Protein backbone atom coordinates (compact mmCIF):
# COMPACT_ATOMS: atom_id res chain seq x y z
CA UNK A 1 48.41 3.33 48.97
CA UNK A 2 51.56 2.37 47.11
CA UNK A 3 53.46 4.70 44.81
CA UNK A 4 52.50 2.63 41.76
CA UNK A 5 48.82 2.59 42.75
CA UNK A 6 48.90 6.35 43.16
CA UNK A 7 50.13 6.65 39.59
CA UNK A 8 46.88 5.04 38.47
CA UNK A 9 44.82 7.20 40.79
CA UNK A 10 46.46 10.45 39.69
CA UNK A 11 44.52 12.33 37.01
CA UNK A 12 46.73 15.40 36.48
CA UNK A 13 48.27 15.81 33.04
CA UNK A 14 51.98 15.20 33.41
CA UNK A 15 53.02 15.85 29.83
CA UNK A 16 51.51 18.39 27.44
CA UNK A 17 51.67 15.80 24.67
CA UNK A 18 49.60 13.25 26.56
CA UNK A 19 45.92 12.66 25.93
CA UNK A 20 43.85 15.11 27.96
CA UNK A 21 40.35 14.78 29.29
CA UNK A 22 38.85 16.66 26.35
CA UNK A 23 40.66 14.43 23.88
CA UNK A 24 39.49 11.30 25.68
CA UNK A 25 35.93 12.59 25.55
CA UNK A 26 36.32 13.20 21.82
CA UNK A 27 37.46 9.61 21.30
CA UNK A 28 34.54 8.39 23.39
CA UNK A 29 32.08 10.42 21.29
CA UNK A 30 33.57 9.04 18.08
CA UNK A 31 33.12 5.55 19.48
CA UNK A 32 29.49 6.21 20.44
CA UNK A 33 28.73 7.62 16.99
CA UNK A 34 30.35 4.69 15.25
CA UNK A 35 28.50 2.14 17.39
CA UNK A 36 25.19 3.83 16.56
CA UNK A 37 26.07 3.84 12.85
CA UNK A 38 27.07 0.18 12.84
CA UNK A 39 23.73 -0.76 14.40
CA UNK A 40 21.67 1.56 12.21
CA UNK A 41 21.01 -1.19 9.66
CA UNK A 42 19.73 -3.70 12.22
CA UNK A 43 16.15 -2.56 11.68
CA UNK A 44 13.75 0.36 12.22
CA UNK A 45 13.01 1.72 15.68
CA UNK A 46 9.64 -0.02 15.63
CA UNK A 47 11.39 -3.40 15.33
CA UNK A 48 11.69 -4.86 18.84
CA UNK A 49 14.75 -6.95 18.01
CA UNK A 50 16.61 -3.95 16.59
CA UNK A 51 15.48 -1.82 19.53
CA UNK A 52 16.75 -4.42 21.99
CA UNK A 53 20.12 -4.57 20.21
CA UNK A 54 20.48 -0.80 20.42
CA UNK A 55 19.31 -0.67 24.03
CA UNK A 56 21.88 -3.29 24.97
CA UNK A 57 24.80 -1.74 23.10
CA UNK A 58 24.21 2.01 23.20
CA UNK A 59 23.84 4.26 26.23
CA UNK A 60 25.74 5.13 29.35
CA UNK A 61 28.43 2.45 29.55
CA UNK A 62 31.99 3.30 30.50
CA UNK A 63 33.22 1.78 27.20
CA UNK A 64 36.21 0.51 29.14
CA UNK A 65 37.15 -2.30 26.74
CA UNK A 66 36.95 -0.48 23.39
CA UNK A 67 38.60 2.65 24.77
CA UNK A 68 41.35 0.52 26.29
CA UNK A 69 41.91 -1.13 22.90
CA UNK A 70 42.11 2.21 21.10
CA UNK A 71 44.37 3.88 23.66
CA UNK A 72 46.77 0.93 23.92
CA UNK A 73 47.04 0.78 20.12
CA UNK A 74 47.73 4.51 19.98
CA UNK A 75 50.35 4.21 22.71
CA UNK A 76 51.95 1.53 20.55
CA UNK A 77 52.06 3.94 17.61
CA UNK A 78 49.12 2.59 15.62
CA UNK A 79 46.81 5.08 13.91
CA UNK A 80 44.89 2.72 11.60
CA UNK A 81 41.45 4.09 10.62
CA UNK A 82 40.11 0.56 11.21
CA UNK A 83 40.94 0.81 14.90
CA UNK A 84 37.54 2.18 15.87
CA UNK A 85 35.66 -0.63 14.12
CA UNK A 86 37.75 -3.27 15.87
CA UNK A 87 37.02 -1.52 19.17
CA UNK A 88 33.29 -1.47 18.37
CA UNK A 89 33.34 -5.22 17.69
CA UNK A 90 34.78 -5.82 21.17
CA UNK A 91 32.11 -3.61 22.74
CA UNK A 92 29.30 -5.45 20.95
CA UNK A 93 30.60 -8.74 22.36
CA UNK A 94 30.65 -7.18 25.82
CA UNK A 95 27.09 -5.88 25.38
CA UNK A 96 25.89 -9.31 24.25
CA UNK A 97 27.49 -10.95 27.28
CA UNK A 98 25.78 -8.52 29.66
CA UNK A 99 22.36 -9.24 28.17
CA UNK A 100 22.88 -12.96 28.77
CA UNK A 101 24.42 -12.46 32.23
CA UNK A 102 21.33 -10.51 33.30
CA UNK A 103 18.83 -13.20 32.27
CA UNK A 104 16.61 -14.77 34.96
CA UNK A 105 18.33 -18.14 34.47
CA UNK A 106 21.72 -16.49 35.00
CA UNK A 107 22.17 -13.57 37.43
CA UNK A 108 18.48 -12.54 37.30
CA UNK A 109 19.30 -8.82 37.24
CA UNK A 110 16.63 -6.15 36.87
CA UNK A 111 18.83 -3.07 36.51
CA UNK A 112 21.80 -2.35 34.25
CA UNK A 113 23.45 1.04 33.69
CA UNK A 114 20.60 2.69 35.56
CA UNK A 115 17.90 1.23 33.29
CA UNK A 116 15.79 -1.95 33.25
CA UNK A 117 17.72 -4.88 31.83
CA UNK A 118 16.99 -5.98 28.27
CA UNK A 119 14.88 -9.00 29.22
CA UNK A 120 12.79 -6.76 31.50
CA UNK A 121 12.22 -4.27 28.68
CA UNK A 122 11.70 -6.67 25.77
CA UNK A 123 11.14 -10.15 27.17
CA UNK A 124 13.47 -13.10 27.55
CA UNK A 125 13.02 -14.35 23.99
CA UNK A 126 13.94 -11.04 22.40
CA UNK A 127 16.85 -10.59 24.84
CA UNK A 128 18.42 -13.92 23.83
CA UNK A 129 17.98 -13.22 20.13
CA UNK A 130 19.37 -9.69 20.44
CA UNK A 131 22.47 -11.05 22.17
CA UNK A 132 23.05 -13.53 19.35
CA UNK A 133 22.51 -10.78 16.79
CA UNK A 134 25.07 -8.52 18.51
CA UNK A 135 27.64 -11.32 18.50
CA UNK A 136 27.01 -11.91 14.81
CA UNK A 137 27.32 -8.20 14.07
CA UNK A 138 30.62 -8.04 15.95
CA UNK A 139 32.23 -10.70 13.80
CA UNK A 140 30.77 -9.19 10.65
CA UNK A 141 32.42 -5.88 11.52
CA UNK A 142 35.78 -7.56 12.11
CA UNK A 143 35.60 -9.64 8.94
CA UNK A 144 34.88 -6.60 6.78
CA UNK A 145 37.23 -4.12 8.47
CA UNK A 146 39.15 -2.11 5.89
CA UNK A 147 42.82 -1.08 5.99
CA UNK A 148 43.81 -4.27 7.81
CA UNK A 149 45.85 -6.97 6.03
CA UNK A 150 43.88 -10.23 5.63
CA UNK A 151 46.27 -12.19 7.86
CA UNK A 152 45.94 -9.63 10.64
CA UNK A 153 42.16 -9.59 10.25
CA UNK A 154 42.07 -13.38 10.58
CA UNK A 155 44.09 -13.18 13.80
CA UNK A 156 41.66 -10.61 15.21
CA UNK A 157 38.66 -12.81 14.42
CA UNK A 158 40.33 -15.85 15.97
CA UNK A 159 41.31 -13.94 19.13
CA UNK A 160 37.82 -12.58 19.72
CA UNK A 161 36.25 -15.98 19.02
CA UNK A 162 38.33 -17.79 21.63
CA UNK A 163 37.49 -15.06 24.13
CA UNK A 164 33.79 -15.90 23.98
CA UNK A 165 33.82 -19.69 24.00
CA UNK A 166 34.18 -22.57 26.41
CA UNK A 167 37.52 -21.30 27.74
CA UNK A 168 36.46 -17.66 27.94
CA UNK A 169 33.37 -15.67 28.88
CA UNK A 170 31.06 -18.68 28.65
CA UNK A 171 33.25 -20.68 31.02
CA UNK A 172 33.47 -17.79 33.46
CA UNK A 173 29.70 -17.39 33.66
CA UNK A 174 29.27 -21.15 34.01
CA UNK A 175 31.66 -21.27 36.95
CA UNK A 176 30.02 -18.25 38.56
CA UNK A 177 26.62 -19.98 38.43
CA UNK A 178 27.80 -23.12 40.20
CA UNK A 179 27.60 -21.54 43.66
CA UNK A 180 28.84 -23.13 46.84
CA UNK A 181 32.03 -22.52 48.77
CA UNK A 182 35.12 -21.99 46.67
CA UNK A 183 38.76 -21.32 47.40
CA UNK A 184 40.41 -17.98 46.71
CA UNK A 185 42.16 -19.60 43.74
CA UNK A 186 38.83 -20.75 42.29
CA UNK A 187 37.39 -17.26 42.72
CA UNK A 188 40.42 -15.77 40.98
CA UNK A 189 39.95 -18.15 38.05
CA UNK A 190 36.29 -17.19 37.70
CA UNK A 191 37.14 -13.49 37.92
CA UNK A 192 39.80 -13.92 35.26
CA UNK A 193 37.33 -15.53 32.88
CA UNK A 194 34.41 -13.19 33.61
CA UNK A 195 36.33 -9.91 33.46
CA UNK A 196 40.00 -10.36 32.62
CA UNK A 197 39.52 -12.41 29.48
CA UNK A 198 37.78 -9.66 27.49
CA UNK A 199 40.20 -7.03 28.76
CA UNK A 200 42.97 -9.38 27.66
CA UNK A 201 41.37 -9.72 24.24
CA UNK A 202 41.15 -5.93 23.92
CA UNK A 203 44.85 -5.38 24.56
CA UNK A 204 45.82 -8.45 22.53
CA UNK A 205 43.86 -7.12 19.57
CA UNK A 206 45.53 -3.73 19.99
CA UNK A 207 48.91 -5.45 19.88
CA UNK A 208 47.85 -7.47 16.81
CA UNK A 209 46.78 -4.34 14.92
CA UNK A 210 49.97 -2.52 15.94
CA UNK A 211 51.95 -5.62 14.91
CA UNK A 212 54.11 -5.34 18.00
CA UNK A 213 56.57 -7.92 19.28
CA UNK A 214 55.83 -10.84 21.59
CA UNK A 215 57.46 -9.26 24.66
CA UNK A 216 55.17 -6.24 24.48
CA UNK A 217 52.16 -8.48 23.89
CA UNK A 218 53.01 -10.58 26.95
CA UNK A 219 53.36 -7.48 29.14
CA UNK A 220 50.03 -6.14 27.90
CA UNK A 221 48.35 -9.46 28.59
CA UNK A 222 49.74 -9.47 32.14
CA UNK A 223 48.51 -5.89 32.57
CA UNK A 224 45.01 -6.86 31.44
CA UNK A 225 44.95 -9.88 33.73
CA UNK A 226 45.88 -7.82 36.79
CA UNK A 227 43.50 -5.01 35.84
CA UNK A 228 40.69 -7.52 35.32
CA UNK A 229 41.15 -8.93 38.80
CA UNK A 230 41.15 -5.40 40.22
CA UNK A 231 37.95 -4.47 38.38
CA UNK A 232 36.16 -7.59 39.60
CA UNK A 233 37.15 -7.00 43.22
CA UNK A 234 36.03 -3.38 42.94
CA UNK A 235 32.75 -4.65 41.50
CA UNK A 236 32.36 -6.89 44.55
CA UNK A 237 32.76 -3.87 46.81
CA UNK A 238 29.89 -2.18 45.00
CA UNK A 239 27.50 -5.05 45.64
CA UNK A 240 27.17 -4.39 49.37
CA UNK A 241 23.73 -3.86 50.94
CA UNK A 242 24.60 -0.23 51.79
CA UNK A 243 25.26 0.66 48.14
CA UNK A 244 22.82 2.87 46.24
CA UNK A 245 21.61 1.50 42.85
CA UNK A 246 21.27 5.07 41.59
CA UNK A 247 25.03 5.41 42.08
CA UNK A 248 26.20 1.99 40.87
CA UNK A 249 23.64 1.83 38.05
CA UNK A 250 22.74 -1.81 38.69
CA UNK A 251 21.19 -4.18 41.21
CA UNK A 252 22.85 -4.62 44.57
CA UNK A 253 23.02 -7.69 46.77
CA UNK A 254 23.47 -10.07 43.82
CA UNK A 255 26.60 -11.55 45.43
CA UNK A 256 24.89 -12.51 48.68
CA UNK A 257 25.72 -16.15 49.28
CA UNK A 258 28.28 -16.20 46.47
CA UNK A 259 31.95 -16.93 46.92
CA UNK A 260 33.64 -13.58 46.35
CA UNK A 261 36.95 -12.35 47.74
CA UNK A 262 35.08 -10.12 50.20
CA UNK A 263 32.81 -12.93 51.41
CA UNK A 264 35.63 -15.47 51.53
CA UNK A 265 38.63 -13.47 52.74
CA UNK A 266 37.09 -10.39 54.35
CA UNK A 267 37.12 -6.70 53.50
CA UNK A 268 40.71 -5.90 54.43
CA UNK A 269 42.26 -8.81 52.52
CA UNK A 270 40.10 -8.07 49.46
CA UNK A 271 41.22 -4.44 49.54
CA UNK A 272 44.86 -5.52 49.87
CA UNK A 273 44.50 -7.75 46.83
CA UNK A 274 42.88 -4.92 44.92
CA UNK A 275 45.89 -2.72 45.62
CA UNK A 276 48.32 -5.50 44.71
CA UNK A 277 46.58 -6.06 41.39
CA UNK A 278 46.74 -2.34 40.60
CA UNK A 279 50.44 -2.30 41.44
CA UNK A 280 51.03 -5.25 39.13
CA UNK A 281 48.91 -3.74 36.36
CA UNK A 282 50.90 -0.52 36.43
CA UNK A 283 54.21 -2.36 36.40
CA UNK A 284 53.22 -4.47 33.38
CA UNK A 285 51.80 -1.47 31.56
CA UNK A 286 55.09 0.37 32.05
CA UNK A 287 56.94 -2.62 30.62
CA UNK A 288 54.72 -2.46 27.52
CA UNK A 289 54.38 1.25 26.77
CA UNK A 290 56.94 2.98 28.96
CA UNK A 291 55.94 6.42 30.24
CA UNK A 292 53.19 7.08 27.69
CA UNK A 293 50.10 8.30 29.48
CA UNK A 294 47.09 7.69 27.22
CA UNK A 295 46.23 4.25 28.56
CA UNK A 296 47.45 5.00 32.07
CA UNK A 297 45.31 8.12 32.43
CA UNK A 298 42.23 6.26 31.24
CA UNK A 299 42.72 3.43 33.73
CA UNK A 300 43.40 6.04 36.40
CA UNK A 301 40.10 7.74 35.59
CA UNK A 302 38.30 4.46 36.23
CA UNK A 303 39.97 3.83 39.58
CA UNK A 304 41.09 7.28 40.68
CA UNK A 305 38.15 8.39 42.81
CA UNK A 306 37.51 4.89 44.05
CA UNK A 307 40.90 3.91 45.41
CA UNK A 308 41.44 5.90 48.56
CA UNK A 309 37.83 5.87 49.85
CA UNK A 310 37.45 2.06 49.88
CA UNK A 311 36.39 1.51 53.47
CA UNK A 312 33.43 -0.21 55.03
CA UNK A 313 30.66 0.58 55.06
CA UNK A 314 30.33 3.69 52.90
CA UNK A 315 29.01 4.40 49.43
CA UNK A 316 31.47 5.19 46.66
CA UNK A 317 31.41 8.76 45.42
CA UNK A 318 31.59 7.79 41.79
CA UNK A 319 29.27 6.06 39.35
CA UNK A 320 30.37 2.84 37.73
CA UNK A 321 28.27 1.59 34.82
CA UNK A 322 29.87 -1.46 33.25
């Protein structure tokens, strides 16, 4: 493991002023409370559409994207009270994308975050409609966010919109569904669109709110791209037939027959690329925020227990619920 990768894997608090585990948990709880509040007007509990929206957006997710947005913005010196609503909008887009990804005509998944997928619980029709409703709610939240100048708010809406469309999440899922043999470059492109694009939007939106300069924004975007590739490769490792769904929180074996880095290049090369992406992510993050630890500790908490033990064929000793 490289020195830079170890910096991501290390969880010890290096500076008393840095965000600690308890503080991170407090931010996470605030995010959960705000998400629940923002969905409270979607309908009563007896309403199946409202229930599906809440089931898709609330629960046991890692909240990687909204927390990343909030922590990056804070590391950039932004303390806007609107930050949490912008983060919630990003999470609702992510939740909507997962509902669609899990559909029988897409990945045909039955388990997500340790529970039956939304189409299994509520039916395919309600699942599709709940995804559309979550997307609509996300843009409504952004458009009405207070304490953000109108020009900045417009940039946020535009950035999130382009993330979803034909050159973003939609394109990534389309490419992933095509099947067949693909080159490593093609796989990297699909991974970038499926995972990296929303991470990129999260850090871009943090930079927009913080009104930082272009050099910082470019470094953050490069960080998100590298981190997105690393997350997708790690996700591929968790799809092996020896994995336990009670640990991963979702179906296993969904990548059988698909062109992934592991299937195409082999375990060792995939692991090497994972480490390279983490090295690059840490370098770019340092360029953007220097030695500040809020973002770095959070990313480390996502990878920390999973870095060293990556070896075939053993189960990871951590739970990952996207």
